[in-house]
């Protein structure tokens, strides 16, 4: 769901992953028609990094508990 959101409304995706300043910058970039494509690419990249960070945190917390 976040991936679709990152493609259609890139700035909202940043707010959902807890990066409001990046969301505002992305909104400014997205306002121009030419800037929408880089904003969407940036949002998808940030979303993939967010998912990777969550997986690493989960693995480290599981390792610490054992």
C-alpha atoms as a PDB file:
ATOM      1  CA  UNK A   1       0.000   0.000   0.000  1.00  0.00           C
ATOM      2  CA  UNK A   2       2.823   2.385   0.823  1.00  0.00           C
ATOM      3  CA  UNK A   3       4.453   1.623  -2.522  1.00  0.00           C
ATOM      4  CA  UNK A   4       1.369   2.760  -4.423  1.00  0.00           C
ATOM      5  CA  UNK A   5       1.216   5.821  -2.211  1.00  0.00           C
ATOM      6  CA  UNK A   6       4.895   6.548  -2.892  1.00  0.00           C
ATOM      7  CA  UNK A   7       4.266   6.477  -6.626  1.00  0.00           C
ATOM      8  CA  UNK A   8       1.021   8.450  -6.696  1.00  0.00           C
ATOM      9  CA  UNK A   9       1.584  10.895  -3.811  1.00  0.00           C
ATOM     10  CA  UNK A  10       5.288  10.786  -2.979  1.00  0.00           C
ATOM     11  CA  UNK A  11       5.224  13.428  -0.259  1.00  0.00           C
ATOM     12  CA  UNK A  12       2.609  11.516   1.767  1.00  0.00           C
ATOM     13  CA  UNK A  13       4.825   8.431   1.818  1.00  0.00           C
ATOM     14  CA  UNK A  14       7.465  10.371   3.743  1.00  0.00           C
ATOM     15  CA  UNK A  15       4.943  11.343   6.386  1.00  0.00           C
ATOM     16  CA  UNK A  16       3.899   7.699   6.824  1.00  0.00           C
ATOM     17  CA  UNK A  17       7.481   6.603   7.522  1.00  0.00           C
ATOM     18  CA  UNK A  18       8.124   9.408   9.999  1.00  0.00           C
ATOM     19  CA  UNK A  19      10.142  11.839   7.889  1.00  0.00           C
ATOM     20  CA  UNK A  20       8.046  15.042   7.790  1.00  0.00           C
ATOM     21  CA  UNK A  21      10.834  17.409   6.706  1.00  0.00           C
ATOM     22  CA  UNK A  22      11.658  15.191   3.745  1.00  0.00           C
ATOM     23  CA  UNK A  23       7.925  15.104   3.009  1.00  0.00           C
ATOM     24  CA  UNK A  24       7.760  18.885   2.819  1.00  0.00           C
ATOM     25  CA  UNK A  25      10.816  19.021   0.557  1.00  0.00           C
ATOM     26  CA  UNK A  26       9.290  16.299  -1.601  1.00  0.00           C
ATOM     27  CA  UNK A  27       6.026  18.248  -1.816  1.00  0.00           C
ATOM     28  CA  UNK A  28       7.899  21.297  -3.060  1.00  0.00           C
ATOM     29  CA  UNK A  29       9.644  19.112  -5.639  1.00  0.00           C
ATOM     30  CA  UNK A  30       6.385  17.420  -6.609  1.00  0.00           C
ATOM     31  CA  UNK A  31       4.577  20.716  -7.265  1.00  0.00           C
ATOM     32  CA  UNK A  32       6.266  20.965 -10.643  1.00  0.00           C
ATOM     33  CA  UNK A  33       5.254  18.408 -13.236  1.00  0.00           C
ATOM     34  CA  UNK A  34       8.891  17.692 -14.099  1.00  0.00           C
ATOM     35  CA  UNK A  35       9.736  17.246 -10.414  1.00  0.00           C
ATOM     36  CA  UNK A  36       7.045  14.627  -9.831  1.00  0.00           C
ATOM     37  CA  UNK A  37       9.092  11.786 -11.349  1.00  0.00           C
ATOM     38  CA  UNK A  38      12.212  12.428  -9.228  1.00  0.00           C
ATOM     39  CA  UNK A  39       9.965  12.854  -6.183  1.00  0.00           C
ATOM     40  CA  UNK A  40       8.327   9.487  -6.851  1.00  0.00           C
ATOM     41  CA  UNK A  41      11.689   7.787  -7.345  1.00  0.00           C
ATOM     42  CA  UNK A  42      13.006   9.363  -4.136  1.00  0.00           C
ATOM     43  CA  UNK A  43       9.921   8.235  -2.201  1.00  0.00           C
ATOM     44  CA  UNK A  44      10.195   4.641  -3.456  1.00  0.00           C
ATOM     45  CA  UNK A  45      13.898   4.593  -2.555  1.00  0.00           C
ATOM     46  CA  UNK A  46      13.222   6.018   0.915  1.00  0.00           C
ATOM     47  CA  UNK A  47      10.488   3.442   1.434  1.00  0.00           C
ATOM     48  CA  UNK A  48      12.831   0.593   0.520  1.00  0.00           C
ATOM     49  CA  UNK A  49      15.442   1.934   2.947  1.00  0.00           C
ATOM     50  CA  UNK A  50      12.776   2.208   5.650  1.00  0.00           C
ATOM     51  CA  UNK A  51      11.804  -1.440   5.147  1.00  0.00           C
ATOM     52  CA  UNK A  52      15.450  -2.521   5.255  1.00  0.00           C
ATOM     53  CA  UNK A  53      16.030  -0.589   8.473  1.00  0.00           C
ATOM     54  CA  UNK A  54      12.993  -2.239  10.072  1.00  0.00           C
ATOM     55  CA  UNK A  55      14.233  -5.713   9.086  1.00  0.00           C
ATOM     56  CA  UNK A  56      17.658  -5.000  10.582  1.00  0.00           C
ATOM     57  CA  UNK A  57      16.126  -3.710  13.815  1.00  0.00           C
ATOM     58  CA  UNK A  58      13.911  -6.778  14.056  1.00  0.00           C
ATOM     59  CA  UNK A  59      16.859  -9.123  13.490  1.00  0.00           C
ATOM     60  CA  UNK A  60      19.014  -7.355  16.053  1.00  0.00           C
ATOM     61  CA  UNK A  61      16.283  -7.342  18.670  1.00  0.00           C
ATOM     62  CA  UNK A  62      15.655 -11.060  18.106  1.00  0.00           C
ATOM     63  CA  UNK A  63      19.363 -11.727  18.439  1.00  0.00           C
ATOM     64  CA  UNK A  64      19.604  -9.751  21.691  1.00  0.00           C
ATOM     65  CA  UNK A  65      16.684 -11.571  23.278  1.00  0.00           C
ATOM     66  CA  UNK A  66      18.293 -14.984  22.805  1.00  0.00           C
END
